[in-house]
Structures are given as structure tokens and as C-alpha cells.
C-alpha atoms as a PDB file:
ATOM      1  CA  MET A   1      10.111 -23.924  -1.435  1.00  0.00           C
ATOM      2  CA  LEU A   2       8.021 -21.390  -3.327  1.00  0.00           C
ATOM      3  CA  TRP A   3       5.703 -20.791  -0.371  1.00  0.00           C
ATOM      4  CA  THR A   4       8.673 -20.280   1.939  1.00  0.00           C
ATOM      5  CA  ALA A   5       9.915 -17.484  -0.325  1.00  0.00           C
ATOM      6  CA  ILE A   6       6.429 -15.987  -0.559  1.00  0.00           C
ATOM      7  CA  TRP A   7       6.063 -16.094   3.225  1.00  0.00           C
ATOM      8  CA  PHE A   8       9.495 -14.516   3.714  1.00  0.00           C
ATOM      9  CA  PHE A   9       8.754 -11.677   1.263  1.00  0.00           C
ATOM     10  CA  ILE A  10       5.364 -10.939   2.826  1.00  0.00           C
ATOM     11  CA  ASN A  11       6.954 -11.105   6.277  1.00  0.00           C
ATOM     12  CA  ILE A  12       9.483  -8.445   5.276  1.00  0.00           C
ATOM     13  CA  LEU A  13       6.720  -6.232   3.880  1.00  0.00           C
ATOM     14  CA  PHE A  14       4.717  -6.664   7.080  1.00  0.00           C
ATOM     15  CA  VAL A  15       7.638  -5.626   9.280  1.00  0.00           C
ATOM     16  CA  VAL A  16       8.308  -2.591   7.068  1.00  0.00           C
ATOM     17  CA  SER A  17       4.649  -1.546   7.201  1.00  0.00           C
ATOM     18  CA  LEU A  18       4.583  -1.979  10.973  1.00  0.00           C
ATOM     19  CA  ILE A  19       7.645   0.237  11.385  1.00  0.00           C
ATOM     20  CA  MET A  20       6.064   2.779   9.029  1.00  0.00           C
ATOM     21  CA  PHE A  21       2.906   2.677  11.140  1.00  0.00           C
ATOM     22  CA  LEU A  22       4.911   3.533  14.251  1.00  0.00           C
ATOM     23  CA  PHE A  23       6.499   6.530  12.533  1.00  0.00           C
ATOM     24  CA  VAL A  24       3.133   7.705  11.219  1.00  0.00           C
ATOM     25  CA  GLN A  25       1.665   7.335  14.713  1.00  0.00           C
ATOM     26  CA  ARG A  26       4.442   9.560  15.982  1.00  0.00           C
ATOM     27  CA  SER A  27       3.601  12.194  13.392  1.00  0.00           C
ATOM     28  CA  VAL A  28      -0.052  12.048  14.498  1.00  0.00           C
ATOM     29  CA  SER A  29       1.021  12.628  18.094  1.00  0.00           C
ATOM     30  CA  GLU A  30       3.196  15.572  17.086  1.00  0.00           C
ATOM     31  CA  ALA A  31       0.424  17.065  14.937  1.00  0.00           C
ATOM     32  CA  ALA A  32      -2.035  16.697  17.829  1.00  0.00           C
ATOM     33  CA  ALA A  33       0.363  18.547  20.127  1.00  0.00           C
ATOM     34  CA  ASN A  34       0.530  21.391  17.613  1.00  0.00           C
ATOM     35  CA  THR A  35      -3.101  22.507  17.808  1.00  0.00           C
ATOM     36  CA  ASN A  36      -2.853  25.395  15.321  1.00  0.00           C
ATOM     37  CA  GLU A  37      -2.748  23.082  12.255  1.00  0.00           C
ATOM     38  CA  PRO A  38      -5.921  20.948  12.164  1.00  0.00           C
ATOM     39  CA  ASP A  39      -5.479  20.102   8.468  1.00  0.00           C
ATOM     40  CA  LYS A  40      -2.086  18.551   9.155  1.00  0.00           C
ATOM     41  CA  LEU A  41      -3.610  16.441  11.935  1.00  0.00           C
ATOM     42  CA  ARG A  42      -6.404  15.251   9.636  1.00  0.00           C
ATOM     43  CA  ARG A  43      -3.940  14.207   6.915  1.00  0.00           C
ATOM     44  CA  ALA A  44      -1.705  12.464   9.451  1.00  0.00           C
ATOM     45  CA  LYS A  45      -4.680  10.515  10.800  1.00  0.00           C
ATOM     46  CA  GLN A  46      -5.669   9.456   7.278  1.00  0.00           C
ATOM     47  CA  ARG A  47      -2.133   8.230   6.587  1.00  0.00           C
ATOM     48  CA  ARG A  48      -2.137   6.356   9.895  1.00  0.00           C
ATOM     49  CA  ASN A  49      -5.425   4.651   9.083  1.00  0.00           C
ATOM     50  CA  VAL A  50      -4.243   3.602   5.620  1.00  0.00           C
ATOM     51  CA  THR A  51      -0.988   2.282   7.047  1.00  0.00           C
ATOM     52  CA  ALA A  52      -2.894   0.354   9.718  1.00  0.00           C
ATOM     53  CA  ILE A  53      -5.171  -1.250   7.123  1.00  0.00           C
ATOM     54  CA  VAL A  54      -2.190  -2.243   4.974  1.00  0.00           C
ATOM     55  CA  SER A  55      -0.408  -3.688   8.036  1.00  0.00           C
ATOM     56  CA  ILE A  56      -3.452  -5.748   9.011  1.00  0.00           C
ATOM     57  CA  ALA A  57      -3.857  -7.031   5.441  1.00  0.00           C
ATOM     58  CA  LEU A  58      -0.190  -8.018   5.343  1.00  0.00           C
ATOM     59  CA  LEU A  59      -0.539  -9.779   8.709  1.00  0.00           C
ATOM     60  CA  VAL A  60      -3.404 -11.855   7.329  1.00  0.00           C
ATOM     61  CA  ALA A  61      -1.469 -12.593   4.117  1.00  0.00           C
ATOM     62  CA  MET A  62       1.631 -13.538   6.107  1.00  0.00           C
ATOM     63  CA  SER A  63      -0.364 -15.880   8.332  1.00  0.00           C
ATOM     64  CA  ALA A  64      -2.101 -17.486   5.361  1.00  0.00           C
ATOM     65  CA  SER A  65       1.135 -18.028   3.445  1.00  0.00           C
ATOM     66  CA  PHE A  66       2.768 -19.485   6.569  1.00  0.00           C
ATOM     67  CA  LEU A  67      -0.104 -21.935   7.048  1.00  0.00           C
ATOM     68  CA  ILE A  68      -0.012 -22.917   3.370  1.00  0.00           C
ATOM     69  CA  ASN A  69       3.740 -23.406   3.608  1.00  0.00           C
ATOM     70  CA  MET A  70       3.378 -25.596   6.694  1.00  0.00           C
ATOM     71  CA  ARG A  71       0.601 -27.605   5.046  1.00  0.00           C
ATOM     72  CA  LEU A  72       2.632 -28.281   1.906  1.00  0.00           C
ATOM     73  CA  ASN A  73       6.116 -28.683   3.386  1.00  0.00           C
ATOM     74  CA  GLY A  74       5.244 -30.142   6.768  1.00  0.00           C
END
């Protein structure tokens, strides 16, 4: 039961980070359309990259906890 709760919590964090990534991607698109602020575009791209890395890490953690849960609980 513990691994089910861990999987569920990580799953929620993954979904939240994925939604955040979509919003950050939108801000990158808007900053790219506004060409007179290159610093804003650079910061938005950095935030997008960090959010993408966190999302990928959470995807791996979610998959691992799901597999562990299935192994232990059948």
C-alpha cells in the first residue's frame, strides 16, 4: 500500500510539472514574438529547460514507483 501512495503522489507532481511546462512554453512563445526583449526570452527558455528536466525526472520516478508497486502488490 505504501508504494501505491508513493506512486500516486509522484503522479500528481508529474501532472503538475507537465502543466507548468505548457504554461512556461507559452511564455517562451510570447517572449519570442516580442523581439525587443532578448533577456526575457533567455530567462523564459532557462525556466522551460528546468521545467522540462524536472518533468522528465518525475516521469522516470513515476514509472519506477509504478513498476515497484506492481512487483510487490501484483
